[in-house]
Amino acid sequence: MSNTPLNKKNSLDGLKRFVFDNKVILLFVLLSIVCILIADTNASYVASEVFTRFGRNTCLVLALIIPCLAGLGMNFGIVVGAIAAQLSIFWVVHWGFTGIGGLLLCVLICTPLAVVFGWLLGKLFNKTKGSEMITGLVLGFFADGLYRLFVLYIIGGVIPFDDPNLLERGFGLRNAFDLTGNLKYSLDDISFLTTVSVLSVVSIFSTLVLSSFDKKMGREVNAKQVTGKVAASVVVLLVSIVARFVPILHDMLGGNRLLMSDAVMLGGIGLLVYAAVMLAWKRPEKGSGAFRKLVNLAVLALVLLVSNFIPAVNKLYRSVRLPAMTYAVICFFVFFNNWILSTRLGQNMRTVGQSRSVATSAGLDVDKTRIIATCISTVMAAWGQLIFLQNLGTFNTVQQQSNVGLYAVAAILVGGANVQKANNKQAIIGVFLFHTLFVVAPLAATKLVGDSAISEYIRMFFSYGVIAVSLAMHAWKSSGGRKPGAEGMSAVMMQPVNPAANSRPK
């Protein structure tokens, strides 16, 4: 009995710590719930819109993680990656390429452009160490201005160009044009069966290549593990091919979109089979971390399967259609972030992000590492913008790139990230919460004041508000809990991303 007050105190302290650590997430959850109740809208509509926005925006947000961990803070400069993507779309549409072939050509064009832009951005970041965020923000405005000059005057005005479908008045591109018939849904319309086949081939190829590379580097290769991965991928590939000839499976999985109810069912079965196979193959000891992880996966799988048989939940699931390949690309971005951070380069990035002086003492090329991180982020942003535009289906030539950095940074901050630390989970949670509020807040405002035009002001208020609060809290923590002075937000953004980065190693 004597321990009861202490246990209660510990529980209360734990709850306070949880609330404090997740205050931004909890605030947005509360705001979303309030707006949903006020709007009194259809849950199916909200779910459909949120999952559509999730597929459209997540890759742009995931592009912020690597530079953040490398000590560059929130990379507002991803605008230059978006510009590289839009330039590639302009030329591909002009040349008349369509479908997935046109999108792949956009990737081939925008990737080297994004590398060059990222290299220049990284060089600038190295000249302004400690002020990367304000540098990226200002450079984004500067790049936006150059881009507008190029598309509104130089094309057709200086560079000879004759395309009546794209030109506005003899020079300068049209303010907007429809991507229907060329790039719209070029990635989204790839069926689930085709996605599985492509991923299986990629898995087989990458497993064999990586194992061969490890052998050449003198690293130990687990032949049994490699054989198991290849065999599993071959089985999945054969199943995806055979399923095309089974009418029921072809009708369910061969369409342009995958019903969320089917996705939940497949995901539950897949997780359950994976957990069972791993338990039987590796046979982890009961009570170990690996055993608990597999058991938790099995429980999650059962929850997903059971939820699909609840009428109200199943109705909600069936209102959402998921673009399989787009979600597969999001998974690729997540795995790439995890993989790159597990390599020596990723460890170097973490070291540089924690302390540049320690990294220099360890013999690391700090400037080169920061440039590589910026280039990776810029390329990922360019690919993310391609995914965004092919899903949106409309290319606003002048303004499409303007708020890329703003919305991406706001979303990841909503997920609980800060200017020193970010991960995939925070990015995914942030996209869901931020865009849920984006969907329901205008509906709630319309219900309250009867004016739908206020929705854009609400969106900008939340975007800038999240960024301002996050930066102010970072400044407060960096000053040891003292209230920041009256320098204003520019002073907050001008301070070093990591104060320890400029300190001497003890």
Protein backbone atom coordinates (compact mmCIF):
# COMPACT_ATOMS: atom_id res chain seq x y z
CA MET A 1 0.00 0.00 0.00
CA SER A 2 2.89 2.32 0.66
CA ASN A 3 3.89 2.15 -2.98
CA THR A 4 0.45 3.15 -4.27
CA PRO A 5 0.94 6.95 -4.04
CA LEU A 6 4.35 6.60 -5.69
CA ASN A 7 2.87 4.52 -8.52
CA LYS A 8 0.12 7.07 -9.01
CA LYS A 9 2.68 9.86 -9.06
CA ASN A 10 4.79 8.01 -11.63
CA SER A 11 1.72 7.36 -13.78
CA LEU A 12 0.71 11.01 -13.55
CA ASP A 13 4.24 12.11 -14.47
CA GLY A 14 4.23 9.71 -17.39
CA LEU A 15 0.90 11.08 -18.60
CA LYS A 16 2.14 14.67 -18.30
CA ARG A 17 5.30 13.79 -20.22
CA PHE A 18 3.26 12.07 -22.95
CA VAL A 19 0.94 15.07 -23.30
CA PHE A 20 3.86 17.51 -23.37
CA ASP A 21 5.84 15.47 -25.91
CA ASN A 22 2.80 15.08 -28.20
CA LYS A 23 1.09 18.41 -27.57
CA VAL A 24 1.05 19.45 -31.24
CA ILE A 25 -0.39 16.11 -32.36
CA LEU A 26 -3.03 16.16 -29.62
CA LEU A 27 -3.94 19.76 -30.47
CA PHE A 28 -4.54 18.90 -34.12
CA VAL A 29 -6.50 15.78 -33.20
CA LEU A 30 -8.72 17.92 -30.99
CA LEU A 31 -9.12 20.61 -33.66
CA SER A 32 -9.98 17.97 -36.27
CA ILE A 33 -12.61 16.39 -34.02
CA VAL A 34 -14.16 19.77 -33.25
CA CYS A 35 -14.26 20.74 -36.93
CA ILE A 36 -15.78 17.36 -37.89
CA LEU A 37 -18.52 17.80 -35.29
CA ILE A 38 -19.24 21.36 -36.43
CA ALA A 39 -19.18 20.53 -40.13
CA ASP A 40 -21.45 17.50 -39.60
CA THR A 41 -20.25 16.11 -42.91
CA ASN A 42 -20.22 12.64 -44.40
CA ALA A 43 -17.44 10.48 -42.90
CA SER A 44 -17.00 8.71 -46.24
CA TYR A 45 -16.29 12.02 -47.97
CA VAL A 46 -13.72 13.04 -45.34
CA ALA A 47 -11.98 9.65 -45.48
CA SER A 48 -11.84 9.68 -49.27
CA GLU A 49 -10.42 13.21 -49.39
CA VAL A 50 -7.84 12.55 -46.67
CA PHE A 51 -6.50 9.38 -48.29
CA THR A 52 -6.37 11.10 -51.67
CA ARG A 53 -4.36 13.97 -50.18
CA PHE A 54 -2.16 11.50 -48.32
CA GLY A 55 -1.12 9.80 -51.56
CA ARG A 56 -0.62 13.16 -53.20
CA ASN A 57 1.49 14.92 -50.56
CA THR A 58 3.39 12.37 -48.47
CA CYS A 59 6.47 12.02 -50.68
CA LEU A 60 7.10 15.77 -50.48
CA VAL A 61 7.00 15.60 -46.68
CA LEU A 62 9.30 12.56 -46.55
CA ALA A 63 11.87 14.60 -48.50
CA LEU A 64 12.44 16.74 -45.39
CA ILE A 65 13.74 14.00 -43.08
CA ILE A 66 17.33 13.50 -44.29
CA PRO A 67 18.39 17.20 -44.30
CA CYS A 68 16.79 17.65 -40.88
CA LEU A 69 18.89 14.84 -39.40
CA ALA A 70 21.96 16.23 -41.16
CA GLY A 71 21.64 19.47 -39.18
CA LEU A 72 20.03 21.58 -41.91
CA GLY A 73 16.70 22.05 -40.15
CA MET A 74 13.49 22.19 -42.15
CA ASN A 75 14.48 22.45 -45.79
CA PHE A 76 12.22 25.17 -47.19
CA GLY A 77 14.48 25.00 -50.25
CA ILE A 78 12.67 21.92 -51.60
CA VAL A 79 10.88 24.46 -53.77
CA VAL A 80 13.80 24.15 -56.22
CA GLY A 81 13.09 20.40 -56.48
CA ALA A 82 9.46 21.15 -57.30
CA ILE A 83 10.61 23.61 -59.98
CA ALA A 84 12.82 20.92 -61.55
CA ALA A 85 9.79 18.61 -61.73
CA GLN A 86 7.58 21.27 -63.30
CA LEU A 87 10.16 22.12 -65.95
CA SER A 88 10.33 18.45 -66.91
CA ILE A 89 6.53 18.22 -67.13
CA PHE A 90 6.42 21.24 -69.42
CA TRP A 91 8.82 19.68 -71.93
CA VAL A 92 7.27 16.21 -71.77
CA VAL A 93 3.80 17.62 -72.42
CA HIS A 94 5.21 19.71 -75.28
CA TRP A 95 6.83 16.65 -76.84
CA GLY A 96 3.58 14.69 -76.58
CA PHE A 97 4.63 11.82 -74.32
CA THR A 98 1.82 10.31 -72.27
CA GLY A 99 1.12 7.73 -69.59
CA ILE A 100 3.69 6.04 -67.43
CA GLY A 101 6.27 6.44 -70.20
CA GLY A 102 5.86 10.20 -70.07
CA LEU A 103 6.12 10.18 -66.28
CA LEU A 104 9.33 8.12 -66.38
CA LEU A 105 10.73 10.58 -68.92
CA CYS A 106 9.90 13.37 -66.46
CA VAL A 107 11.89 11.48 -63.82
CA LEU A 108 14.88 11.17 -66.19
CA ILE A 109 14.78 14.90 -66.97
CA CYS A 110 14.09 16.30 -63.52
CA THR A 111 16.57 14.11 -61.59
CA PRO A 112 19.79 15.66 -62.97
CA LEU A 113 18.18 19.10 -62.76
CA ALA A 114 17.31 18.48 -59.11
CA VAL A 115 20.85 17.25 -58.40
CA VAL A 116 22.30 20.47 -59.83
CA PHE A 117 19.79 22.63 -57.95
CA GLY A 118 20.44 20.66 -54.76
CA TRP A 119 24.20 21.04 -55.17
CA LEU A 120 23.86 24.81 -55.55
CA LEU A 121 21.48 24.93 -52.57
CA GLY A 122 23.87 22.85 -50.48
CA LYS A 123 26.78 25.13 -51.36
CA LEU A 124 24.71 28.10 -50.22
CA PHE A 125 23.76 26.31 -46.99
CA ASN A 126 27.47 25.76 -46.30
CA LYS A 127 28.04 29.50 -46.65
CA THR A 128 25.26 30.29 -44.19
CA LYS A 129 25.75 27.66 -41.49
CA GLY A 130 23.33 28.14 -38.62
CA SER A 131 20.82 30.04 -40.78
CA GLU A 132 19.80 27.29 -43.21
CA MET A 133 16.05 27.64 -42.74
CA ILE A 134 15.85 31.35 -43.45
CA THR A 135 18.31 30.82 -46.32
CA GLY A 136 16.13 28.10 -47.81
CA LEU A 137 13.01 30.21 -47.38
CA VAL A 138 14.51 33.27 -49.08
CA LEU A 139 16.14 31.17 -51.81
CA GLY A 140 12.76 29.57 -52.44
CA PHE A 141 11.26 32.99 -53.13
CA PHE A 142 14.23 33.87 -55.35
CA ALA A 143 13.98 30.60 -57.32
CA ASP A 144 10.23 31.13 -57.62
CA GLY A 145 10.86 34.53 -59.19
CA LEU A 146 13.41 33.18 -61.67
CA TYR A 147 11.07 30.34 -62.59
CA ARG A 148 8.20 32.73 -63.25
CA LEU A 149 10.45 34.91 -65.40
CA PHE A 150 11.42 31.83 -67.40
CA VAL A 151 7.90 30.48 -67.99
CA LEU A 152 6.14 33.84 -68.42
CA TYR A 153 8.61 35.65 -70.65
CA ILE A 154 11.74 33.77 -71.71
CA ILE A 155 9.78 30.84 -73.19
CA GLY A 156 8.61 32.22 -76.51
CA GLY A 157 9.96 35.70 -75.78
CA VAL A 158 13.68 34.88 -75.82
CA ILE A 159 13.78 31.16 -76.59
CA PRO A 160 11.94 30.45 -79.85
CA PHE A 161 8.91 28.33 -79.07
CA ASP A 162 5.78 27.60 -81.06
CA ASP A 163 3.08 25.56 -79.37
CA PRO A 164 -0.39 27.15 -79.41
CA ASN A 165 -1.62 24.67 -76.80
CA LEU A 166 0.91 25.91 -74.24
CA LEU A 167 1.59 29.55 -75.16
CA GLU A 168 -0.67 32.27 -73.79
CA ARG A 169 -0.13 35.22 -76.16
CA GLY A 170 2.79 34.31 -78.41
CA PHE A 171 5.24 34.18 -75.51
CA GLY A 172 5.01 32.84 -71.98
CA LEU A 173 3.22 29.66 -70.96
CA ARG A 174 -0.47 29.51 -70.17
CA ASN A 175 -1.25 30.11 -66.51
CA ALA A 176 -2.67 26.60 -66.22
CA PHE A 177 -3.28 23.60 -68.41
CA ASP A 178 -4.98 20.26 -67.98
CA LEU A 179 -2.87 17.11 -67.78
CA THR A 180 -5.77 14.89 -68.84
CA GLY A 181 -4.75 12.70 -71.75
CA ASN A 182 -1.02 12.84 -71.06
CA LEU A 183 0.20 12.56 -67.45
CA LYS A 184 -2.94 12.65 -65.29
CA TYR A 185 -3.21 9.50 -63.14
CA SER A 186 -0.31 7.93 -65.03
CA LEU A 187 0.97 6.47 -61.76
CA ASP A 188 -2.34 6.23 -59.91
CA ASP A 189 -4.00 4.12 -62.61
CA ILE A 190 -1.49 1.25 -62.37
CA SER A 191 -3.39 -1.72 -60.96
CA PHE A 192 -2.58 -3.57 -57.76
CA LEU A 193 -1.63 -6.76 -59.63
CA THR A 194 0.80 -4.85 -61.85
CA THR A 195 2.21 -3.11 -58.78
CA VAL A 196 2.82 -6.43 -57.04
CA SER A 197 4.50 -7.86 -60.15
CA VAL A 198 6.78 -4.84 -60.49
CA LEU A 199 7.71 -4.89 -56.81
CA SER A 200 8.46 -8.61 -56.97
CA VAL A 201 10.83 -8.14 -59.90
CA VAL A 202 12.50 -5.20 -58.16
CA SER A 203 12.88 -7.26 -54.98
CA ILE A 204 14.50 -10.16 -56.83
CA PHE A 205 16.86 -7.90 -58.75
CA SER A 206 17.86 -5.76 -55.75
CA THR A 207 18.43 -8.79 -53.50
CA LEU A 208 20.75 -10.44 -56.03
CA VAL A 209 22.62 -7.21 -56.79
CA LEU A 210 23.12 -6.28 -53.13
CA SER A 211 24.30 -9.78 -52.21
CA SER A 212 26.78 -9.75 -55.10
CA PHE A 213 28.00 -6.31 -54.00
CA ASP A 214 28.47 -7.54 -50.43
CA LYS A 215 30.50 -10.50 -51.68
CA LYS A 216 32.79 -8.23 -53.69
CA MET A 217 33.26 -6.00 -50.65
CA GLY A 218 34.26 -9.02 -48.59
CA ARG A 219 31.19 -8.90 -46.36
CA GLU A 220 29.52 -11.99 -45.01
CA VAL A 221 26.41 -12.98 -46.98
CA ASN A 222 23.69 -15.19 -45.48
CA ALA A 223 22.96 -17.48 -48.43
CA LYS A 224 19.90 -18.96 -46.72
CA GLN A 225 18.40 -15.53 -46.15
CA VAL A 226 19.10 -14.41 -49.73
CA THR A 227 17.58 -17.62 -51.12
CA GLY A 228 14.51 -17.18 -48.93
CA LYS A 229 13.96 -13.58 -50.08
CA VAL A 230 14.33 -14.49 -53.75
CA ALA A 231 12.06 -17.54 -53.39
CA ALA A 232 9.38 -15.49 -51.61
CA SER A 233 9.52 -12.80 -54.30
CA VAL A 234 9.25 -15.40 -57.06
CA VAL A 235 6.19 -16.95 -55.39
CA VAL A 236 4.52 -13.54 -55.05
CA LEU A 237 5.32 -12.78 -58.71
CA LEU A 238 3.78 -16.06 -59.87
CA VAL A 239 0.69 -15.51 -57.74
CA SER A 240 0.20 -12.00 -59.19
CA ILE A 241 0.46 -13.43 -62.72
CA VAL A 242 -1.92 -16.32 -62.07
CA ALA A 243 -4.43 -13.98 -60.38
CA ARG A 244 -4.93 -12.19 -63.69
CA PHE A 245 -6.57 -15.33 -65.10
CA VAL A 246 -8.92 -15.82 -62.14
CA PRO A 247 -12.03 -13.70 -62.84
CA ILE A 248 -12.85 -12.94 -59.19
CA LEU A 249 -9.29 -11.89 -58.32
CA HIS A 250 -8.90 -9.96 -61.57
CA ASP A 251 -12.11 -8.01 -60.93
CA MET A 252 -11.09 -7.27 -57.35
CA LEU A 253 -7.38 -6.50 -57.82
CA GLY A 254 -6.97 -5.68 -61.50
CA GLY A 255 -8.71 -2.29 -61.58
CA ASN A 256 -7.19 1.18 -61.54
CA ARG A 257 -7.94 1.65 -57.85
CA LEU A 258 -7.96 -0.77 -54.94
CA LEU A 259 -10.89 -0.61 -52.53
CA MET A 260 -9.65 0.09 -49.03
CA SER A 261 -11.73 -2.82 -47.74
CA ASP A 262 -9.78 -5.16 -50.04
CA ALA A 263 -6.51 -3.48 -49.07
CA VAL A 264 -7.27 -3.98 -45.36
CA MET A 265 -8.14 -7.63 -45.97
CA LEU A 266 -4.97 -8.25 -47.98
CA GLY A 267 -2.87 -6.34 -45.47
CA GLY A 268 -4.29 -8.32 -42.54
CA ILE A 269 -3.72 -11.65 -44.27
CA GLY A 270 -0.23 -10.60 -45.34
CA LEU A 271 0.79 -9.51 -41.83
CA LEU A 272 -0.65 -12.67 -40.32
CA VAL A 273 1.18 -14.93 -42.78
CA TYR A 274 4.43 -12.98 -42.29
CA ALA A 275 4.21 -13.22 -38.49
CA ALA A 276 3.46 -16.95 -38.64
CA VAL A 277 6.32 -17.66 -41.06
CA MET A 278 8.82 -15.65 -39.01
CA LEU A 279 7.73 -17.37 -35.79
CA ALA A 280 8.13 -20.77 -37.41
CA TRP A 281 11.39 -19.95 -39.21
CA LYS A 282 13.39 -17.90 -36.73
CA ARG A 283 11.72 -19.32 -33.59
CA PRO A 284 12.50 -16.38 -31.29
CA GLU A 285 12.46 -17.01 -27.55
CA LYS A 286 9.22 -16.20 -25.75
CA GLY A 287 9.44 -12.85 -24.03
CA SER A 288 12.17 -11.54 -26.33
CA GLY A 289 11.79 -8.31 -28.27
CA ALA A 290 11.57 -10.13 -31.61
CA PHE A 291 8.86 -12.44 -30.27
CA ARG A 292 6.78 -9.55 -28.91
CA LYS A 293 7.13 -7.68 -32.19
CA LEU A 294 5.81 -10.62 -34.21
CA VAL A 295 2.96 -11.21 -31.75
CA ASN A 296 2.00 -7.52 -31.99
CA LEU A 297 1.98 -7.82 -35.80
CA ALA A 298 -0.31 -10.85 -35.54
CA VAL A 299 -2.66 -8.97 -33.20
CA LEU A 300 -2.70 -5.97 -35.57
CA ALA A 301 -3.51 -8.31 -38.45
CA LEU A 302 -6.43 -9.81 -36.55
CA VAL A 303 -7.75 -6.35 -35.66
CA LEU A 304 -7.65 -5.34 -39.33
CA LEU A 305 -9.43 -8.51 -40.42
CA VAL A 306 -12.13 -8.21 -37.75
CA SER A 307 -12.70 -4.50 -38.46
CA ASN A 308 -13.55 -5.35 -42.05
CA PHE A 309 -16.61 -7.29 -40.86
CA ILE A 310 -18.06 -4.40 -38.84
CA PRO A 311 -20.79 -2.93 -41.12
CA ALA A 312 -20.13 0.75 -40.38
CA VAL A 313 -16.38 0.38 -40.68
CA ASN A 314 -16.66 -1.71 -43.84
CA LYS A 315 -18.90 0.96 -45.38
CA LEU A 316 -16.23 3.55 -44.63
CA TYR A 317 -13.53 1.32 -46.09
CA ARG A 318 -15.52 0.80 -49.29
CA SER A 319 -15.83 4.56 -49.82
CA VAL A 320 -12.06 4.90 -50.25
CA ARG A 321 -10.15 3.82 -53.35
CA LEU A 322 -6.38 3.68 -53.11
CA PRO A 323 -3.86 4.11 -55.97
CA ALA A 324 -1.71 1.04 -55.38
CA MET A 325 1.47 2.14 -57.18
CA THR A 326 1.43 5.59 -55.59
CA TYR A 327 1.25 4.04 -52.13
CA ALA A 328 4.01 1.64 -53.14
CA VAL A 329 6.20 4.62 -54.05
CA ILE A 330 5.46 6.14 -50.62
CA CYS A 331 6.62 2.87 -49.04
CA PHE A 332 9.75 3.05 -51.19
CA PHE A 333 10.48 6.56 -49.87
CA VAL A 334 10.03 5.30 -46.30
CA PHE A 335 12.34 2.32 -46.85
CA PHE A 336 14.87 4.51 -48.63
CA ASN A 337 15.02 6.91 -45.69
CA ASN A 338 15.54 4.00 -43.30
CA TRP A 339 18.13 2.39 -45.54
CA ILE A 340 20.21 5.51 -46.24
CA LEU A 341 20.30 6.37 -42.54
CA SER A 342 21.55 2.85 -41.75
CA THR A 343 24.53 3.21 -44.09
CA ARG A 344 27.87 4.84 -43.31
CA LEU A 345 26.74 7.94 -45.20
CA GLY A 346 23.61 8.10 -43.04
CA GLN A 347 25.64 7.76 -39.86
CA ASN A 348 27.90 10.56 -41.11
CA MET A 349 24.82 12.72 -41.65
CA ARG A 350 23.64 12.06 -38.10
CA THR A 351 27.09 12.91 -36.73
CA VAL A 352 27.20 16.15 -38.70
CA GLY A 353 23.70 17.00 -37.51
CA GLN A 354 24.63 16.44 -33.86
CA SER A 355 27.87 18.43 -33.92
CA ARG A 356 29.82 19.76 -36.87
CA SER A 357 32.94 20.25 -34.75
CA VAL A 358 32.89 16.63 -33.55
CA ALA A 359 32.32 15.46 -37.14
CA THR A 360 35.31 17.50 -38.32
CA SER A 361 37.47 16.08 -35.52
CA ALA A 362 36.43 12.58 -36.63
CA GLY A 363 37.73 13.28 -40.13
CA LEU A 364 34.37 13.72 -41.85
CA ASP A 365 33.93 16.13 -44.75
CA VAL A 366 31.13 18.17 -43.21
CA ASP A 367 30.42 20.38 -46.21
CA LYS A 368 30.30 17.44 -48.63
CA THR A 369 27.96 15.47 -46.35
CA ARG A 370 25.59 18.42 -46.07
CA ILE A 371 25.58 18.90 -49.84
CA ILE A 372 24.77 15.21 -50.40
CA ALA A 373 21.90 15.43 -47.91
CA THR A 374 20.55 18.51 -49.71
CA CYS A 375 20.82 16.84 -53.12
CA ILE A 376 18.95 13.74 -51.89
CA SER A 377 16.21 15.91 -50.41
CA THR A 378 15.89 17.96 -53.61
CA VAL A 379 15.63 14.88 -55.83
CA MET A 380 13.01 13.33 -53.55
CA ALA A 381 11.08 16.61 -53.62
CA ALA A 382 11.19 16.64 -57.43
CA TRP A 383 9.79 13.11 -57.58
CA GLY A 384 7.21 14.03 -54.95
CA GLN A 385 6.06 16.99 -57.04
CA LEU A 386 5.64 14.70 -60.06
CA ILE A 387 3.43 12.42 -57.97
CA PHE A 388 1.49 15.45 -56.71
CA LEU A 389 0.82 16.87 -60.17
CA GLN A 390 -0.11 13.59 -61.89
CA ASN A 391 -2.66 13.03 -59.14
CA LEU A 392 -3.97 16.60 -59.16
CA GLY A 393 -4.33 16.52 -62.95
CA THR A 394 -4.02 20.29 -63.35
CA PHE A 395 -0.73 22.12 -63.80
CA ASN A 396 -0.84 25.69 -62.50
CA THR A 397 2.23 26.93 -64.32
CA VAL A 398 2.90 30.00 -62.19
CA GLN A 399 1.80 29.19 -58.63
CA GLN A 400 2.04 25.40 -58.25
CA GLN A 401 5.47 25.51 -56.61
CA SER A 402 4.84 28.49 -54.34
CA ASN A 403 3.67 26.75 -51.15
CA VAL A 404 5.41 23.40 -51.54
CA GLY A 405 7.92 24.03 -48.78
CA LEU A 406 5.40 25.73 -46.50
CA TYR A 407 2.82 22.93 -46.53
CA ALA A 408 5.41 20.15 -46.33
CA VAL A 409 7.16 21.73 -43.33
CA ALA A 410 3.86 22.44 -41.59
CA ALA A 411 2.73 18.83 -42.09
CA ILE A 412 5.86 17.24 -40.62
CA LEU A 413 5.80 19.64 -37.66
CA VAL A 414 2.20 18.66 -36.96
CA GLY A 415 3.41 15.06 -36.74
CA GLY A 416 5.64 15.94 -33.79
CA ALA A 417 8.92 16.63 -35.60
CA ASN A 418 11.13 19.60 -34.79
CA VAL A 419 14.00 21.37 -36.49
CA GLN A 420 16.50 18.91 -35.03
CA LYS A 421 14.72 15.58 -35.23
CA ALA A 422 12.29 14.01 -37.70
CA ASN A 423 11.36 10.50 -38.79
CA ASN A 424 9.03 8.65 -41.14
CA LYS A 425 6.36 8.06 -38.49
CA GLN A 426 6.12 11.77 -37.71
CA ALA A 427 5.87 12.58 -41.42
CA ILE A 428 3.03 10.10 -41.97
CA ILE A 429 1.10 11.15 -38.86
CA GLY A 430 1.61 14.80 -39.78
CA VAL A 431 0.25 14.38 -43.31
CA PHE A 432 -2.87 12.63 -42.03
CA LEU A 433 -3.60 15.21 -39.32
CA PHE A 434 -2.67 18.30 -41.33
CA HIS A 435 -4.75 17.33 -44.35
CA THR A 436 -7.64 16.10 -42.25
CA LEU A 437 -7.83 19.59 -40.82
CA PHE A 438 -7.41 20.99 -44.33
CA VAL A 439 -10.51 19.07 -45.40
CA VAL A 440 -12.81 19.67 -42.44
CA ALA A 441 -11.81 23.19 -41.31
CA PRO A 442 -13.25 24.95 -44.42
CA LEU A 443 -16.44 22.91 -44.08
CA ALA A 444 -16.75 23.93 -40.44
CA ALA A 445 -16.06 27.58 -41.29
CA THR A 446 -18.69 27.51 -44.02
CA LYS A 447 -21.17 26.04 -41.54
CA LEU A 448 -20.40 28.76 -38.98
CA VAL A 449 -20.13 31.90 -41.13
CA GLY A 450 -21.66 30.78 -44.42
CA ASP A 451 -18.67 31.82 -46.52
CA SER A 452 -16.57 29.18 -48.28
CA ALA A 453 -13.94 31.77 -49.35
CA ILE A 454 -12.62 31.86 -45.80
CA SER A 455 -11.22 28.34 -46.23
CA GLU A 456 -7.97 29.53 -47.83
CA TYR A 457 -7.33 31.99 -44.99
CA ILE A 458 -7.88 29.20 -42.47
CA ARG A 459 -5.41 26.97 -44.28
CA MET A 460 -2.72 29.63 -44.38
CA PHE A 461 -3.38 30.47 -40.72
CA PHE A 462 -2.80 26.88 -39.66
CA SER A 463 0.24 26.47 -41.92
CA TYR A 464 2.07 29.58 -40.73
CA GLY A 465 0.83 29.11 -37.16
CA VAL A 466 2.27 25.60 -36.84
CA ILE A 467 5.64 26.71 -38.21
CA ALA A 468 5.77 29.83 -36.01
CA VAL A 469 4.87 27.94 -32.82
CA SER A 470 7.37 25.17 -33.58
CA LEU A 471 10.22 27.60 -34.20
CA ALA A 472 9.34 29.62 -31.13
CA MET A 473 9.38 26.47 -28.99
CA HIS A 474 12.74 25.51 -30.48
CA ALA A 475 14.11 28.92 -29.59
CA TRP A 476 12.71 28.59 -26.07
CA LYS A 477 14.32 25.17 -25.58
CA SER A 478 17.62 26.38 -27.03
CA SER A 479 17.69 29.29 -24.59
CA GLY A 480 17.37 26.91 -21.64
CA GLY A 481 13.70 27.61 -20.99
CA ARG A 482 14.03 31.40 -20.95
CA LYS A 483 11.51 33.38 -22.89
CA PRO A 484 12.87 34.51 -26.25
CA GLY A 485 13.38 38.22 -26.64
CA ALA A 486 11.65 40.56 -29.02
CA GLU A 487 13.84 39.76 -31.99
CA GLY A 488 10.88 38.43 -33.92
CA MET A 489 10.50 35.28 -35.97
CA SER A 490 13.39 36.18 -38.25
CA ALA A 491 15.76 36.01 -35.29
CA VAL A 492 14.33 32.65 -34.29
CA MET A 493 14.90 31.29 -37.78
CA MET A 494 18.37 32.80 -37.98
CA GLN A 495 19.67 30.96 -34.91
CA PRO A 496 21.70 27.76 -35.35
CA VAL A 497 19.64 24.64 -35.98
CA ASN A 498 21.76 22.78 -33.43
CA PRO A 499 23.52 24.97 -30.85
CA ALA A 500 25.92 22.13 -30.08
CA ALA A 501 27.09 22.20 -33.68
CA ASN A 502 29.25 25.25 -33.04
CA SER A 503 30.66 24.06 -29.69
CA ARG A 504 34.08 22.59 -29.20
CA PRO A 505 34.22 18.90 -28.22
CA LYS A 506 35.01 18.51 -24.54
